[in-house]
Amino acid sequence: MNFLDAAYQVLKQANNSLHYSEIARLAMTGGLLVTTGQTPEATMGSRLYVDTNRPESRFHRAGRGFFELSKQSDGDEIGQRVEDINAQTRKQLRQALA
């Protein structure tokens, strides 16, 4: 998993803003991020700062060094609902096949 995907998962679980060093720590201890770099916290911060400059970023700056998930637009909300329904359907199919 890359840094931004790991950050997304950590922030989704936290459901509030976190400092980039805490995001990196939680991603590594949770097994979401495996890196051999010596400064994963700095890399996480850099990736998040750069990503928030993009209009379609999943992240929002919430203060100095702090990030949170961007508020979903209506299109994102619909996409999330479709994903949830698909996941539920896959689960039901697996149970029926078992």
PDB file of N, CA and C in Angstrom:
ATOM      1  N   MET A   1       0.858  -1.176   0.000  1.00  0.00           N
ATOM      2  CA  MET A   1       0.000   0.000   0.000  1.00  0.00           C
ATOM      3  C   MET A   1       0.902   1.237   0.000  1.00  0.00           C
ATOM      4  N   ASN A   2       0.519   2.241  -0.749  1.00  0.00           N
ATOM      5  CA  ASN A   2       1.337   3.454  -0.787  1.00  0.00           C
ATOM      6  C   ASN A   2       0.973   4.388   0.375  1.00  0.00           C
ATOM      7  N   PHE A   3       1.740   5.453   0.523  1.00  0.00           N
ATOM      8  CA  PHE A   3       1.562   6.367   1.656  1.00  0.00           C
ATOM      9  C   PHE A   3       0.176   6.996   1.689  1.00  0.00           C
ATOM     10  N   LEU A   4      -0.329   7.440   0.542  1.00  0.00           N
ATOM     11  CA  LEU A   4      -1.621   8.117   0.528  1.00  0.00           C
ATOM     12  C   LEU A   4      -2.773   7.161   0.813  1.00  0.00           C
ATOM     13  N   ASP A   5      -2.702   5.958   0.283  1.00  0.00           N
ATOM     14  CA  ASP A   5      -3.752   4.977   0.584  1.00  0.00           C
ATOM     15  C   ASP A   5      -3.732   4.598   2.064  1.00  0.00           C
ATOM     16  N   ALA A   6      -2.542   4.461   2.622  1.00  0.00           N
ATOM     17  CA  ALA A   6      -2.421   4.153   4.053  1.00  0.00           C
ATOM     18  C   ALA A   6      -2.967   5.312   4.890  1.00  0.00           C
ATOM     19  N   ALA A   7      -2.650   6.545   4.495  1.00  0.00           N
ATOM     20  CA  ALA A   7      -3.152   7.717   5.219  1.00  0.00           C
ATOM     21  C   ALA A   7      -4.670   7.768   5.166  1.00  0.00           C
ATOM     22  N   TYR A   8      -5.226   7.430   4.014  1.00  0.00           N
ATOM     23  CA  TYR A   8      -6.680   7.430   3.870  1.00  0.00           C
ATOM     24  C   TYR A   8      -7.316   6.435   4.846  1.00  0.00           C
ATOM     25  N   GLN A   9      -6.758   5.234   4.916  1.00  0.00           N
ATOM     26  CA  GLN A   9      -7.299   4.212   5.810  1.00  0.00           C
ATOM     27  C   GLN A   9      -7.190   4.638   7.276  1.00  0.00           C
ATOM     28  N   VAL A  10      -6.046   5.204   7.655  1.00  0.00           N
ATOM     29  CA  VAL A  10      -5.845   5.645   9.045  1.00  0.00           C
ATOM     30  C   VAL A  10      -6.826   6.756   9.400  1.00  0.00           C
ATOM     31  N   LEU A  11      -6.965   7.749   8.514  1.00  0.00           N
ATOM     32  CA  LEU A  11      -7.872   8.862   8.798  1.00  0.00           C
ATOM     33  C   LEU A  11      -9.333   8.430   8.790  1.00  0.00           C
ATOM     34  N   LYS A  12      -9.655   7.465   7.966  1.00  0.00           N
ATOM     35  CA  LYS A  12     -11.019   6.943   7.930  1.00  0.00           C
ATOM     36  C   LYS A  12     -11.358   6.270   9.258  1.00  0.00           C
ATOM     37  N   GLN A  13     -10.401   5.509   9.796  1.00  0.00           N
ATOM     38  CA  GLN A  13     -10.612   4.850  11.094  1.00  0.00           C
ATOM     39  C   GLN A  13     -10.653   5.870  12.226  1.00  0.00           C
ATOM     40  N   ALA A  14      -9.769   6.869  12.168  1.00  0.00           N
ATOM     41  CA  ALA A  14      -9.684   7.857  13.247  1.00  0.00           C
ATOM     42  C   ALA A  14     -10.904   8.766  13.268  1.00  0.00           C
ATOM     43  N   ASN A  15     -11.443   9.057  12.093  1.00  0.00           N
ATOM     44  CA  ASN A  15     -12.620   9.913  11.961  1.00  0.00           C
ATOM     45  C   ASN A  15     -12.402  11.320  12.533  1.00  0.00           C
ATOM     46  N   ASN A  16     -11.162  11.762  12.559  1.00  0.00           N
ATOM     47  CA  ASN A  16     -10.844  13.137  12.935  1.00  0.00           C
ATOM     48  C   ASN A  16      -9.460  13.480  12.385  1.00  0.00           C
ATOM     49  N   SER A  17      -9.026  14.705  12.562  1.00  0.00           N
ATOM     50  CA  SER A  17      -7.735  15.117  12.011  1.00  0.00           C
ATOM     51  C   SER A  17      -6.587  14.566  12.870  1.00  0.00           C
ATOM     52  N   LEU A  18      -5.480  14.258  12.194  1.00  0.00           N
ATOM     53  CA  LEU A  18      -4.286  13.755  12.864  1.00  0.00           C
ATOM     54  C   LEU A  18      -3.060  14.427  12.271  1.00  0.00           C
ATOM     55  N   HIS A  19      -1.998  14.504  13.054  1.00  0.00           N
ATOM     56  CA  HIS A  19      -0.718  15.015  12.573  1.00  0.00           C
ATOM     57  C   HIS A  19      -0.095  13.963  11.661  1.00  0.00           C
ATOM     58  N   TYR A  20       0.626  14.416  10.645  1.00  0.00           N
ATOM     59  CA  TYR A  20       1.182  13.467   9.676  1.00  0.00           C
ATOM     60  C   TYR A  20       2.119  12.446  10.319  1.00  0.00           C
ATOM     61  N   SER A  21       2.816  12.812  11.388  1.00  0.00           N
ATOM     62  CA  SER A  21       3.691  11.835  12.045  1.00  0.00           C
ATOM     63  C   SER A  21       2.868  10.739  12.741  1.00  0.00           C
ATOM     64  N   GLU A  22       1.716  11.115  13.278  1.00  0.00           N
ATOM     65  CA  GLU A  22       0.826  10.137  13.904  1.00  0.00           C
ATOM     66  C   GLU A  22       0.188   9.241  12.836  1.00  0.00           C
ATOM     67  N   ILE A  23      -0.149   9.823  11.705  1.00  0.00           N
ATOM     68  CA  ILE A  23      -0.703   9.030  10.598  1.00  0.00           C
ATOM     69  C   ILE A  23       0.316   7.976  10.168  1.00  0.00           C
ATOM     70  N   ALA A  24       1.574   8.386  10.005  1.00  0.00           N
ATOM     71  CA  ALA A  24       2.627   7.452   9.593  1.00  0.00           C
ATOM     72  C   ALA A  24       2.828   6.366  10.645  1.00  0.00           C
ATOM     73  N   ARG A  25       2.855   6.747  11.911  1.00  0.00           N
ATOM     74  CA  ARG A  25       3.056   5.774  12.987  1.00  0.00           C
ATOM     75  C   ARG A  25       1.929   4.750  13.010  1.00  0.00           C
ATOM     76  N   LEU A  26       0.691   5.217  12.929  1.00  0.00           N
ATOM     77  CA  LEU A  26      -0.461   4.306  12.953  1.00  0.00           C
ATOM     78  C   LEU A  26      -0.488   3.404  11.715  1.00  0.00           C
ATOM     79  N   ALA A  27      -0.100   3.946  10.578  1.00  0.00           N
ATOM     80  CA  ALA A  27      -0.067   3.144   9.350  1.00  0.00           C
ATOM     81  C   ALA A  27       0.974   2.036   9.454  1.00  0.00           C
ATOM     82  N   MET A  28       2.121   2.345  10.043  1.00  0.00           N
ATOM     83  CA  MET A  28       3.182   1.335  10.163  1.00  0.00           C
ATOM     84  C   MET A  28       2.839   0.293  11.231  1.00  0.00           C
ATOM     85  N   THR A  29       2.342   0.736  12.382  1.00  0.00           N
ATOM     86  CA  THR A  29       2.012  -0.223  13.440  1.00  0.00           C
ATOM     87  C   THR A  29       0.799  -1.063  13.071  1.00  0.00           C
ATOM     88  N   GLY A  30      -0.074  -0.520  12.223  1.00  0.00           N
ATOM     89  CA  GLY A  30      -1.248  -1.264  11.784  1.00  0.00           C
ATOM     90  C   GLY A  30      -0.982  -2.177  10.604  1.00  0.00           C
ATOM     91  N   GLY A  31       0.257  -2.180  10.117  1.00  0.00           N
ATOM     92  CA  GLY A  31       0.612  -3.039   9.003  1.00  0.00           C
ATOM     93  C   GLY A  31       0.143  -2.548   7.647  1.00  0.00           C
ATOM     94  N   LEU A  32      -0.338  -1.311   7.584  1.00  0.00           N
ATOM     95  CA  LEU A  32      -0.798  -0.755   6.315  1.00  0.00           C
ATOM     96  C   LEU A  32       0.356  -0.261   5.457  1.00  0.00           C
ATOM     97  N   LEU A  33       1.458   0.085   6.105  1.00  0.00           N
ATOM     98  CA  LEU A  33       2.580   0.689   5.404  1.00  0.00           C
ATOM     99  C   LEU A  33       3.873   0.005   5.826  1.00  0.00           C
ATOM    100  N   VAL A  34       4.581  -0.499   4.840  1.00  0.00           N
ATOM    101  CA  VAL A  34       5.880  -1.102   5.086  1.00  0.00           C
ATOM    102  C   VAL A  34       6.889  -0.305   4.277  1.00  0.00           C
ATOM    103  N   THR A  35       7.877   0.257   4.964  1.00  0.00           N
ATOM    104  CA  THR A  35       8.864   1.078   4.283  1.00  0.00           C
ATOM    105  C   THR A  35      10.235   0.841   4.887  1.00  0.00           C
ATOM    106  N   THR A  36      11.240   0.956   4.050  1.00  0.00           N
ATOM    107  CA  THR A  36      12.616   0.816   4.535  1.00  0.00           C
ATOM    108  C   THR A  36      13.282   2.175   4.675  1.00  0.00           C
ATOM    109  N   GLY A  37      12.538   3.224   4.362  1.00  0.00           N
ATOM    110  CA  GLY A  37      13.084   4.579   4.475  1.00  0.00           C
ATOM    111  C   GLY A  37      13.352   4.953   5.919  1.00  0.00           C
ATOM    112  N   GLN A  38      14.262   5.893   6.104  1.00  0.00           N
ATOM    113  CA  GLN A  38      14.632   6.303   7.460  1.00  0.00           C
ATOM    114  C   GLN A  38      13.736   7.397   8.013  1.00  0.00           C
ATOM    115  N   THR A  39      12.963   8.048   7.159  1.00  0.00           N
ATOM    116  CA  THR A  39      12.100   9.141   7.616  1.00  0.00           C
ATOM    117  C   THR A  39      10.682   8.992   7.060  1.00  0.00           C
ATOM    118  N   PRO A  40       9.985   7.924   7.459  1.00  0.00           N
ATOM    119  CA  PRO A  40       8.635   7.729   6.922  1.00  0.00           C
ATOM    120  C   PRO A  40       7.667   8.846   7.323  1.00  0.00           C
ATOM    121  N   GLU A  41       7.865   9.454   8.483  1.00  0.00           N
ATOM    122  CA  GLU A  41       6.993  10.552   8.905  1.00  0.00           C
ATOM    123  C   GLU A  41       7.130  11.737   7.959  1.00  0.00           C
ATOM    124  N   ALA A  42       8.369  12.065   7.598  1.00  0.00           N
ATOM    125  CA  ALA A  42       8.609  13.176   6.678  1.00  0.00           C
ATOM    126  C   ALA A  42       8.042  12.866   5.294  1.00  0.00           C
ATOM    127  N   THR A  43       8.175  11.630   4.866  1.00  0.00           N
ATOM    128  CA  THR A  43       7.629  11.231   3.568  1.00  0.00           C
ATOM    129  C   THR A  43       6.117  11.343   3.579  1.00  0.00           C
ATOM    130  N   MET A  44       5.495  10.897   4.663  1.00  0.00           N
ATOM    131  CA  MET A  44       4.037  10.990   4.784  1.00  0.00           C
ATOM    132  C   MET A  44       3.603  12.445   4.719  1.00  0.00           C
ATOM    133  N   GLY A  45       4.267  13.313   5.470  1.00  0.00           N
ATOM    134  CA  GLY A  45       3.933  14.730   5.456  1.00  0.00           C
ATOM    135  C   GLY A  45       4.073  15.325   4.066  1.00  0.00           C
ATOM    136  N   SER A  46       5.162  15.000   3.402  1.00  0.00           N
ATOM    137  CA  SER A  46       5.413  15.523   2.060  1.00  0.00           C
ATOM    138  C   SER A  46       4.339  15.071   1.081  1.00  0.00           C
ATOM    139  N   ARG A  47       4.017  13.788   1.115  1.00  0.00           N
ATOM    140  CA  ARG A  47       2.999  13.265   0.190  1.00  0.00           C
ATOM    141  C   ARG A  47       1.640  13.914   0.438  1.00  0.00           C
ATOM    142  N   LEU A  48       1.301  14.091   1.722  1.00  0.00           N
ATOM    143  CA  LEU A  48       0.009  14.703   2.038  1.00  0.00           C
ATOM    144  C   LEU A  48      -0.029  16.170   1.626  1.00  0.00           C
ATOM    145  N   TYR A  49       1.049  16.919   1.913  1.00  0.00           N
ATOM    146  CA  TYR A  49       1.084  18.332   1.528  1.00  0.00           C
ATOM    147  C   TYR A  49       0.955  18.493   0.022  1.00  0.00           C
ATOM    148  N   VAL A  50       1.677  17.706  -0.733  1.00  0.00           N
ATOM    149  CA  VAL A  50       1.619  17.788  -2.199  1.00  0.00           C
ATOM    150  C   VAL A  50       0.228  17.398  -2.692  1.00  0.00           C
ATOM    151  N   ASP A  51      -0.330  16.335  -2.121  1.00  0.00           N
ATOM    152  CA  ASP A  51      -1.637  15.867  -2.571  1.00  0.00           C
ATOM    153  C   ASP A  51      -2.737  16.893  -2.314  1.00  0.00           C
ATOM    154  N   THR A  52      -2.666  17.626  -1.215  1.00  0.00           N
ATOM    155  CA  THR A  52      -3.722  18.606  -0.908  1.00  0.00           C
ATOM    156  C   THR A  52      -3.718  19.783  -1.871  1.00  0.00           C
ATOM    157  N   ASN A  53      -2.690  19.913  -2.689  1.00  0.00           N
ATOM    158  CA  ASN A  53      -2.675  20.968  -3.712  1.00  0.00           C
ATOM    159  C   ASN A  53      -3.521  20.591  -4.929  1.00  0.00           C
ATOM    160  N   ARG A  54      -3.881  19.326  -5.029  1.00  0.00           N
ATOM    161  CA  ARG A  54      -4.705  18.870  -6.151  1.00  0.00           C
ATOM    162  C   ARG A  54      -6.177  19.112  -5.824  1.00  0.00           C
ATOM    163  N   PRO A  55      -6.961  19.593  -6.781  1.00  0.00           N
ATOM    164  CA  PRO A  55      -8.382  19.859  -6.498  1.00  0.00           C
ATOM    165  C   PRO A  55      -9.175  18.617  -6.119  1.00  0.00           C
ATOM    166  N   GLU A  56      -8.785  17.444  -6.633  1.00  0.00           N
ATOM    167  CA  GLU A  56      -9.528  16.218  -6.340  1.00  0.00           C
ATOM    168  C   GLU A  56      -8.939  15.424  -5.178  1.00  0.00           C
ATOM    169  N   SER A  57      -8.131  16.069  -4.361  1.00  0.00           N
ATOM    170  CA  SER A  57      -7.481  15.393  -3.235  1.00  0.00           C
ATOM    171  C   SER A  57      -8.504  14.813  -2.259  1.00  0.00           C
ATOM    172  N   ARG A  58      -8.160  13.659  -1.702  1.00  0.00           N
ATOM    173  CA  ARG A  58      -9.006  13.032  -0.682  1.00  0.00           C
ATOM    174  C   ARG A  58      -8.761  13.641   0.689  1.00  0.00           C
ATOM    175  N   PHE A  59      -7.751  14.520   0.783  1.00  0.00           N
ATOM    176  CA  PHE A  59      -7.323  15.057   2.077  1.00  0.00           C
ATOM    177  C   PHE A  59      -7.493  16.569   2.138  1.00  0.00           C
ATOM    178  N   HIS A  60      -7.575  17.057   3.369  1.00  0.00           N
ATOM    179  CA  HIS A  60      -7.726  18.493   3.626  1.00  0.00           C
ATOM    180  C   HIS A  60      -6.770  18.867   4.754  1.00  0.00           C
ATOM    181  N   ARG A  61      -6.103  20.009   4.617  1.00  0.00           N
ATOM    182  CA  ARG A  61      -5.228  20.488   5.690  1.00  0.00           C
ATOM    183  C   ARG A  61      -6.096  21.028   6.816  1.00  0.00           C
ATOM    184  N   ALA A  62      -5.824  20.568   8.025  1.00  0.00           N
ATOM    185  CA  ALA A  62      -6.638  20.951   9.181  1.00  0.00           C
ATOM    186  C   ALA A  62      -5.823  21.721  10.213  1.00  0.00           C
ATOM    187  N   GLY A  63      -4.751  22.310   9.792  1.00  0.00           N
ATOM    188  CA  GLY A  63      -3.867  23.035  10.694  1.00  0.00           C
ATOM    189  C   GLY A  63      -2.435  22.662  10.383  1.00  0.00           C
ATOM    190  N   ARG A  64      -1.510  23.249  11.075  1.00  0.00           N
ATOM    191  CA  ARG A  64      -0.094  23.022  10.797  1.00  0.00           C
ATOM    192  C   ARG A  64       0.293  21.557  11.063  1.00  0.00           C
ATOM    193  N   GLY A  65       0.503  20.825   9.985  1.00  0.00           N
ATOM    194  CA  GLY A  65       0.898  19.428  10.096  1.00  0.00           C
ATOM    195  C   GLY A  65      -0.259  18.462  10.279  1.00  0.00           C
ATOM    196  N   PHE A  66      -1.471  18.969  10.395  1.00  0.00           N
ATOM    197  CA  PHE A  66      -2.642  18.131  10.620  1.00  0.00           C
ATOM    198  C   PHE A  66      -3.449  17.983   9.336  1.00  0.00           C
ATOM    199  N   PHE A  67      -3.965  16.777   9.145  1.00  0.00           N
ATOM    200  CA  PHE A  67      -4.756  16.477   7.957  1.00  0.00           C
ATOM    201  C   PHE A  67      -6.010  15.725   8.354  1.00  0.00           C
ATOM    202  N   GLU A  68      -7.030  15.856   7.507  1.00  0.00           N
ATOM    203  CA  GLU A  68      -8.274  15.125   7.683  1.00  0.00           C
ATOM    204  C   GLU A  68      -8.787  14.748   6.304  1.00  0.00           C
ATOM    205  N   LEU A  69      -9.789  13.905   6.263  1.00  0.00           N
ATOM    206  CA  LEU A  69     -10.381  13.532   4.986  1.00  0.00           C
ATOM    207  C   LEU A  69     -11.228  14.679   4.479  1.00  0.00           C
ATOM    208  N   SER A  70     -11.200  14.894   3.171  1.00  0.00           N
ATOM    209  CA  SER A  70     -12.036  15.923   2.561  1.00  0.00           C
ATOM    210  C   SER A  70     -13.492  15.530   2.694  1.00  0.00           C
ATOM    211  N   LYS A  71     -14.325  16.527   2.740  1.00  0.00           N
ATOM    212  CA  LYS A  71     -15.759  16.253   2.756  1.00  0.00           C
ATOM    213  C   LYS A  71     -16.125  15.684   1.399  1.00  0.00           C
ATOM    214  N   GLN A  72     -16.950  14.651   1.383  1.00  0.00           N
ATOM    215  CA  GLN A  72     -17.328  14.014   0.130  1.00  0.00           C
ATOM    216  C   GLN A  72     -18.341  14.862  -0.615  1.00  0.00           C
ATOM    217  N   SER A  73     -18.164  14.931  -1.917  1.00  0.00           N
ATOM    218  CA  SER A  73     -19.170  15.572  -2.753  1.00  0.00           C
ATOM    219  C   SER A  73     -20.279  14.567  -3.023  1.00  0.00           C
ATOM    220  N   ASP A  74     -21.352  15.005  -3.620  1.00  0.00           N
ATOM    221  CA  ASP A  74     -22.470  14.110  -3.902  1.00  0.00           C
ATOM    222  C   ASP A  74     -22.036  12.938  -4.766  1.00  0.00           C
ATOM    223  N   GLY A  75     -21.181  13.174  -5.758  1.00  0.00           N
ATOM    224  CA  GLY A  75     -20.693  12.101  -6.615  1.00  0.00           C
ATOM    225  C   GLY A  75     -19.916  11.071  -5.829  1.00  0.00           C
ATOM    226  N   ASP A  76     -19.095  11.525  -4.893  1.00  0.00           N
ATOM    227  CA  ASP A  76     -18.336  10.602  -4.059  1.00  0.00           C
ATOM    228  C   ASP A  76     -19.257   9.799  -3.160  1.00  0.00           C
ATOM    229  N   GLU A  77     -20.297  10.428  -2.666  1.00  0.00           N
ATOM    230  CA  GLU A  77     -21.234   9.751  -1.779  1.00  0.00           C
ATOM    231  C   GLU A  77     -21.963   8.637  -2.530  1.00  0.00           C
ATOM    232  N   ILE A  78     -22.358   8.901  -3.747  1.00  0.00           N
ATOM    233  CA  ILE A  78     -23.024   7.889  -4.559  1.00  0.00           C
ATOM    234  C   ILE A  78     -22.060   6.740  -4.845  1.00  0.00           C
ATOM    235  N   GLY A  79     -20.837   7.074  -5.192  1.00  0.00           N
ATOM    236  CA  GLY A  79     -19.829   6.044  -5.443  1.00  0.00           C
ATOM    237  C   GLY A  79     -19.593   5.184  -4.218  1.00  0.00           C
ATOM    238  N   GLN A  80     -19.578   5.796  -3.057  1.00  0.00           N
ATOM    239  CA  GLN A  80     -19.378   5.054  -1.808  1.00  0.00           C
ATOM    240  C   GLN A  80     -20.558   4.127  -1.551  1.00  0.00           C
ATOM    241  N   ARG A  81     -21.762   4.592  -1.833  1.00  0.00           N
ATOM    242  CA  ARG A  81     -22.941   3.741  -1.652  1.00  0.00           C
ATOM    243  C   ARG A  81     -22.886   2.528  -2.577  1.00  0.00           C
ATOM    244  N   VAL A  82     -22.473   2.756  -3.815  1.00  0.00           N
ATOM    245  CA  VAL A  82     -22.346   1.654  -4.765  1.00  0.00           C
ATOM    246  C   VAL A  82     -21.327   0.643  -4.261  1.00  0.00           C
ATOM    247  N   GLU A  83     -20.182   1.125  -3.765  1.00  0.00           N
ATOM    248  CA  GLU A  83     -19.159   0.232  -3.212  1.00  0.00           C
ATOM    249  C   GLU A  83     -19.693  -0.564  -2.031  1.00  0.00           C
ATOM    250  N   ASP A  84     -20.448   0.090  -1.161  1.00  0.00           N
ATOM    251  CA  ASP A  84     -21.024  -0.596   0.007  1.00  0.00           C
ATOM    252  C   ASP A  84     -22.001  -1.693  -0.421  1.00  0.00           C
ATOM    253  N   ILE A  85     -22.845  -1.375  -1.404  1.00  0.00           N
ATOM    254  CA  ILE A  85     -23.810  -2.365  -1.901  1.00  0.00           C
ATOM    255  C   ILE A  85     -23.075  -3.529  -2.552  1.00  0.00           C
ATOM    256  N   ASN A  86     -22.048  -3.231  -3.343  1.00  0.00           N
ATOM    257  CA  ASN A  86     -21.272  -4.291  -3.983  1.00  0.00           C
ATOM    258  C   ASN A  86     -20.596  -5.192  -2.949  1.00  0.00           C
ATOM    259  N   ALA A  87     -20.043  -4.599  -1.906  1.00  0.00           N
ATOM    260  CA  ALA A  87     -19.389  -5.385  -0.863  1.00  0.00           C
ATOM    261  C   ALA A  87     -20.398  -6.282  -0.149  1.00  0.00           C
ATOM    262  N   GLN A  88     -21.563  -5.733   0.128  1.00  0.00           N
ATOM    263  CA  GLN A  88     -22.604  -6.521   0.795  1.00  0.00           C
ATOM    264  C   GLN A  88     -23.065  -7.673  -0.109  1.00  0.00           C
ATOM    265  N   THR A  89     -23.215  -7.404  -1.390  1.00  0.00           N
ATOM    266  CA  THR A  89     -23.627  -8.444  -2.336  1.00  0.00           C
ATOM    267  C   THR A  89     -22.580  -9.536  -2.434  1.00  0.00           C
ATOM    268  N   ARG A  90     -21.302  -9.167  -2.502  1.00  0.00           N
ATOM    269  CA  ARG A  90     -20.233 -10.164  -2.543  1.00  0.00           C
ATOM    270  C   ARG A  90     -20.257 -11.041  -1.294  1.00  0.00           C
ATOM    271  N   LYS A  91     -20.482 -10.426  -0.143  1.00  0.00           N
ATOM    272  CA  LYS A  91     -20.540 -11.167   1.114  1.00  0.00           C
ATOM    273  C   LYS A  91     -21.690 -12.177   1.091  1.00  0.00           C
ATOM    274  N   GLN A  92     -22.845 -11.739   0.612  1.00  0.00           N
ATOM    275  CA  GLN A  92     -24.007 -12.628   0.555  1.00  0.00           C
ATOM    276  C   GLN A  92     -23.760 -13.777  -0.422  1.00  0.00           C
ATOM    277  N   LEU A  93     -23.130 -13.478  -1.553  1.00  0.00           N
ATOM    278  CA  LEU A  93     -22.829 -14.529  -2.524  1.00  0.00           C
ATOM    279  C   LEU A  93     -21.854 -15.557  -1.956  1.00  0.00           C
ATOM    280  N   ARG A  94     -20.836 -15.091  -1.248  1.00  0.00           N
ATOM    281  CA  ARG A  94     -19.882 -16.008  -0.625  1.00  0.00           C
ATOM    282  C   ARG A  94     -20.590 -16.920   0.374  1.00  0.00           C
ATOM    283  N   GLN A  95     -21.484 -16.341   1.167  1.00  0.00           N
ATOM    284  CA  GLN A  95     -22.219 -17.139   2.152  1.00  0.00           C
ATOM    285  C   GLN A  95     -23.112 -18.157   1.471  1.00  0.00           C
ATOM    286  N   ALA A  96     -23.767 -17.748   0.386  1.00  0.00           N
ATOM    287  CA  ALA A  96     -24.655 -18.676  -0.335  1.00  0.00           C
ATOM    288  C   ALA A  96     -23.855 -19.798  -0.970  1.00  0.00           C
ATOM    289  N   LEU A  97     -22.681 -19.497  -1.495  1.00  0.00           N
ATOM    290  CA  LEU A  97     -21.842 -20.524  -2.129  1.00  0.00           C
ATOM    291  C   LEU A  97     -21.230 -21.467  -1.103  1.00  0.00           C
ATOM    292  N   ALA A  98     -20.977 -20.969   0.087  1.00  0.00           N
ATOM    293  CA  ALA A  98     -20.379 -21.811   1.126  1.00  0.00           C
ATOM    294  C   ALA A  98     -21.421 -22.772   1.633  1.00  0.00           C
TER     295      ALA A  98
END
